[in-house]
């Protein structure tokens, strides 16, 4: 087993967001299930203090930099191996927690997808996603070609690596990887890529990888 360095965060659907009448600027947030909430972001900035009142309600302090400003987006993230169309990946290394199964396969795939070819002493394969950060976007078709090429390269590399190794369990063996979503935000140069990763045990996980380039 490997150390876990990716955490899957599920974007919780919200029903209502209201200002809370307390001394510290705070939002009163209502949603579906806040039992495993790990963070709240407002306009892309993390709230410094979150209190889960009950399963469907929480209070989140407004970051100092946003006090008095218009808050246009509120995102609430919960943890767990959920992997729905809302799931995003966060990188962190906490303690010595181990990972296995589908999550370990996703970790391997994402690592190779971000890695540039021939930059790792122990693995020369890479999808090259990090190398695209800061580069110019010529067209959506150009982005889509690079995205799909990277996924294909990593898919073939993992299959070749796993072929003939009977020690690898089915839930860690790659069956397929497909680009199921691509969003380009020209104003910020952000590219969101959603990949469906399936193992040979019949499980599928949806992962979102975001990078930024110069539009």
Protein backbone atom coordinates (compact mmCIF):
# COMPACT_ATOMS: atom_id res chain seq x y z
CA UNK A 1 0.00 0.00 0.00
CA UNK A 2 1.06 3.62 -0.63
CA UNK A 3 0.71 6.72 1.51
CA UNK A 4 -2.42 8.68 0.67
CA UNK A 5 -1.62 12.09 -0.81
CA UNK A 6 -4.91 12.89 -2.53
CA UNK A 7 -8.16 13.55 -0.74
CA UNK A 8 -11.51 13.37 -2.49
CA UNK A 9 -13.81 16.27 -1.66
CA UNK A 10 -17.48 16.28 -2.57
CA UNK A 11 -19.14 19.61 -3.37
CA UNK A 12 -22.27 19.66 -1.20
CA UNK A 13 -25.44 21.03 -2.87
CA UNK A 14 -26.74 24.11 -1.04
CA UNK A 15 -30.33 25.23 -0.52
CA UNK A 16 -29.90 28.70 0.97
CA UNK A 17 -27.18 31.11 2.13
CA UNK A 18 -28.03 33.99 4.47
CA UNK A 19 -26.07 36.53 6.52
CA UNK A 20 -26.02 35.64 10.22
CA UNK A 21 -26.65 38.51 12.62
CA UNK A 22 -23.68 38.09 14.94
CA UNK A 23 -20.69 40.24 15.88
CA UNK A 24 -18.27 38.35 13.59
CA UNK A 25 -19.33 38.47 9.90
CA UNK A 26 -20.74 34.99 9.27
CA UNK A 27 -22.88 33.18 6.73
CA UNK A 28 -25.78 30.89 7.71
CA UNK A 29 -25.67 28.05 5.18
CA UNK A 30 -28.33 25.40 4.56
CA UNK A 31 -27.68 22.26 2.48
CA UNK A 32 -28.16 18.52 2.10
CA UNK A 33 -25.59 16.82 4.33
CA UNK A 34 -22.91 18.63 6.35
CA UNK A 35 -21.86 15.69 8.57
CA UNK A 36 -18.42 15.34 6.94
CA UNK A 37 -17.71 18.96 6.00
CA UNK A 38 -13.99 19.79 5.93
CA UNK A 39 -13.94 23.29 4.44
CA UNK A 40 -16.01 26.19 3.13
CA UNK A 41 -14.80 28.57 0.42
CA UNK A 42 -16.23 32.00 -0.41
CA UNK A 43 -15.15 33.57 -3.70
CA UNK A 44 -12.37 30.97 -3.72
CA UNK A 45 -11.08 31.94 -0.25
CA UNK A 46 -11.31 29.47 2.65
CA UNK A 47 -13.43 30.37 5.66
CA UNK A 48 -11.28 30.59 8.82
CA UNK A 49 -13.95 29.07 11.08
CA UNK A 50 -16.79 26.65 10.36
CA UNK A 51 -19.38 25.36 12.83
CA UNK A 52 -21.72 22.52 11.81
CA UNK A 53 -24.99 23.25 13.60
CA UNK A 54 -26.74 20.10 12.39
CA UNK A 55 -26.84 17.83 9.36
CA UNK A 56 -28.43 20.47 7.15
CA UNK A 57 -27.05 23.71 8.57
CA UNK A 58 -23.67 25.32 9.28
CA UNK A 59 -22.15 28.67 10.11
CA UNK A 60 -19.06 29.86 8.24
CA UNK A 61 -17.06 32.96 9.13
CA UNK A 62 -16.48 35.36 6.25
CA UNK A 63 -12.72 35.79 5.53
CA UNK A 64 -11.38 39.20 6.57
CA UNK A 65 -10.43 40.02 2.97
CA UNK A 66 -14.09 39.61 1.91
CA UNK A 67 -15.79 41.57 4.68
CA UNK A 68 -17.80 44.35 3.03
CA UNK A 69 -17.42 42.81 -0.43
CA UNK A 70 -19.98 40.99 -2.55
CA UNK A 71 -19.79 37.23 -2.11
CA UNK A 72 -20.67 35.64 -5.44
CA UNK A 73 -19.82 32.00 -4.71
CA UNK A 74 -20.00 29.70 -1.69
CA UNK A 75 -18.66 26.14 -1.90
CA UNK A 76 -18.97 23.60 0.89
CA UNK A 77 -16.79 20.48 0.69
CA UNK A 78 -17.20 17.19 2.54
CA UNK A 79 -14.76 14.30 2.70
CA UNK A 80 -15.13 10.63 1.87
CA UNK A 81 -14.71 8.21 -1.04
CA UNK A 82 -17.84 9.48 -2.75
CA UNK A 83 -16.65 10.15 -6.31
CA UNK A 84 -19.68 11.68 -7.96
CA UNK A 85 -19.85 14.23 -10.75
CA UNK A 86 -19.16 16.90 -8.09
CA UNK A 87 -16.00 15.31 -6.69
CA UNK A 88 -12.74 17.24 -6.71
CA UNK A 89 -9.20 16.22 -5.73
CA UNK A 90 -7.16 18.01 -3.09
CA UNK A 91 -3.48 17.26 -2.52
CA UNK A 92 -2.28 16.85 1.06
CA UNK A 93 -0.03 14.54 3.05
CA UNK A 94 -1.26 14.08 6.60
CA UNK A 95 0.37 11.54 8.91
CA UNK A 96 0.98 8.04 7.58
CA UNK A 97 -2.49 7.15 6.35
CA UNK A 98 -2.36 4.31 3.79
CA UNK A 99 -4.46 3.91 0.69
CA UNK A 100 -5.49 0.95 -1.44
CA UNK A 101 -8.03 -0.15 -4.02
CA UNK A 102 -9.67 2.35 -6.35
CA UNK A 103 -8.29 5.38 -4.48
CA UNK A 104 -4.73 4.09 -4.89
CA UNK A 105 -5.34 3.63 -8.62
CA UNK A 106 -6.70 7.19 -8.88
CA UNK A 107 -3.63 8.49 -7.04
CA UNK A 108 -1.32 6.75 -9.48
CA UNK A 109 -3.27 8.00 -12.48
CA UNK A 110 -3.40 11.63 -11.31
CA UNK A 111 0.32 11.62 -10.40
CA UNK A 112 1.31 10.42 -13.87
CA UNK A 113 -1.21 12.73 -15.56
CA UNK A 114 0.35 15.81 -13.93
CA UNK A 115 3.93 14.62 -14.33
CA UNK A 116 6.02 15.75 -17.31
CA UNK A 117 7.78 12.98 -19.30
CA UNK A 118 11.38 12.24 -18.31
CA UNK A 119 11.40 14.52 -15.26
CA UNK A 120 11.15 11.77 -12.66
CA UNK A 121 14.25 9.65 -12.02
CA UNK A 122 12.14 6.57 -11.45
CA UNK A 123 9.35 7.04 -14.00
CA UNK A 124 9.81 8.64 -17.42
CA UNK A 125 6.10 8.48 -18.34
CA UNK A 126 3.87 11.49 -17.88
CA UNK A 127 0.74 13.17 -19.20
CA UNK A 128 2.46 16.55 -19.00
CA UNK A 129 -0.45 18.51 -17.51
CA UNK A 130 1.75 20.65 -15.26
CA UNK A 131 3.85 21.69 -18.25
CA UNK A 132 0.79 23.41 -19.78
CA UNK A 133 0.42 25.85 -16.87
CA UNK A 134 1.42 29.33 -18.04
CA UNK A 135 1.35 28.44 -21.73
CA UNK A 136 -0.82 30.11 -24.36
CA UNK A 137 -4.21 28.70 -25.31
CA UNK A 138 -4.51 28.63 -29.10
CA UNK A 139 -7.97 27.08 -29.34
CA UNK A 140 -10.37 24.85 -27.47
CA UNK A 141 -9.58 22.05 -29.93
CA UNK A 142 -5.88 22.40 -29.13
CA UNK A 143 -6.62 22.06 -25.41
CA UNK A 144 -8.90 19.08 -25.97
CA UNK A 145 -6.23 17.30 -28.04
CA UNK A 146 -3.59 17.82 -25.34
CA UNK A 147 -5.96 16.63 -22.63
CA UNK A 148 -6.98 13.46 -24.44
CA UNK A 149 -3.40 12.71 -25.52
CA UNK A 150 -2.25 12.95 -21.90
CA UNK A 151 -4.98 10.60 -20.67
CA UNK A 152 -4.19 8.10 -23.44
CA UNK A 153 -0.45 8.14 -22.66
CA UNK A 154 -1.03 7.51 -18.95
CA UNK A 155 -3.65 4.82 -19.63
CA UNK A 156 -1.28 2.88 -21.89
CA UNK A 157 1.61 3.29 -19.45
CA UNK A 158 -0.35 1.95 -16.47
CA UNK A 159 -1.70 -0.99 -18.46
CA UNK A 160 1.82 -1.88 -19.63
CA UNK A 161 3.16 -1.63 -16.09
CA UNK A 162 0.42 -3.83 -14.64
CA UNK A 163 0.41 -6.44 -17.40
CA UNK A 164 1.60 -9.81 -16.17
CA UNK A 165 1.91 -8.72 -12.51
CA UNK A 166 -0.44 -11.10 -10.70
CA UNK A 167 0.23 -9.44 -7.34
CA UNK A 168 -1.91 -6.42 -8.22
CA UNK A 169 -5.54 -6.89 -7.07
CA UNK A 170 -8.41 -6.24 -9.46
CA UNK A 171 -9.52 -3.09 -7.65
CA UNK A 172 -6.10 -1.53 -8.38
CA UNK A 173 -5.90 -2.68 -12.01
CA UNK A 174 -6.85 -0.07 -14.61
CA UNK A 175 -9.68 -1.05 -16.90
CA UNK A 176 -10.27 2.29 -18.64
CA UNK A 177 -9.88 6.04 -18.32
CA UNK A 178 -12.05 8.43 -20.29
CA UNK A 179 -12.36 12.20 -20.50
CA UNK A 180 -16.02 12.84 -19.66
CA UNK A 181 -15.90 16.60 -19.16
CA UNK A 182 -13.83 19.57 -20.29
CA UNK A 183 -14.45 23.19 -19.27
CA UNK A 184 -12.36 26.14 -20.44
CA UNK A 185 -12.66 29.54 -18.75
CA UNK A 186 -11.02 31.92 -21.22
CA UNK A 187 -11.08 34.89 -18.82
CA UNK A 188 -8.86 33.18 -16.23
CA UNK A 189 -7.16 30.57 -18.41
CA UNK A 190 -8.53 27.80 -16.18
CA UNK A 191 -9.06 24.36 -17.66
CA UNK A 192 -11.13 21.79 -15.73
CA UNK A 193 -10.75 18.18 -16.87
CA UNK A 194 -13.03 15.45 -15.54
CA UNK A 195 -11.80 11.87 -16.00
CA UNK A 196 -13.73 8.66 -15.29
CA UNK A 197 -11.30 6.00 -14.02
CA UNK A 198 -12.50 2.39 -13.85
CA UNK A 199 -10.80 -0.65 -12.34
CA UNK A 200 -11.18 -4.31 -13.23
CA UNK A 201 -13.33 -4.89 -10.15
CA UNK A 202 -16.13 -2.91 -11.80
CA UNK A 203 -15.71 0.30 -9.78
CA UNK A 204 -15.55 3.76 -11.33
CA UNK A 205 -14.37 7.06 -9.87
CA UNK A 206 -14.82 10.53 -11.32
CA UNK A 207 -11.91 12.92 -10.71
CA UNK A 208 -11.58 16.61 -11.50
CA UNK A 209 -8.15 18.06 -12.33
CA UNK A 210 -7.87 21.84 -12.79
CA UNK A 211 -4.95 23.74 -14.29
CA UNK A 212 -4.49 27.34 -15.33
CA UNK A 213 -2.87 28.64 -18.49
CA UNK A 214 -2.51 32.03 -20.13
CA UNK A 215 -5.47 32.77 -22.38
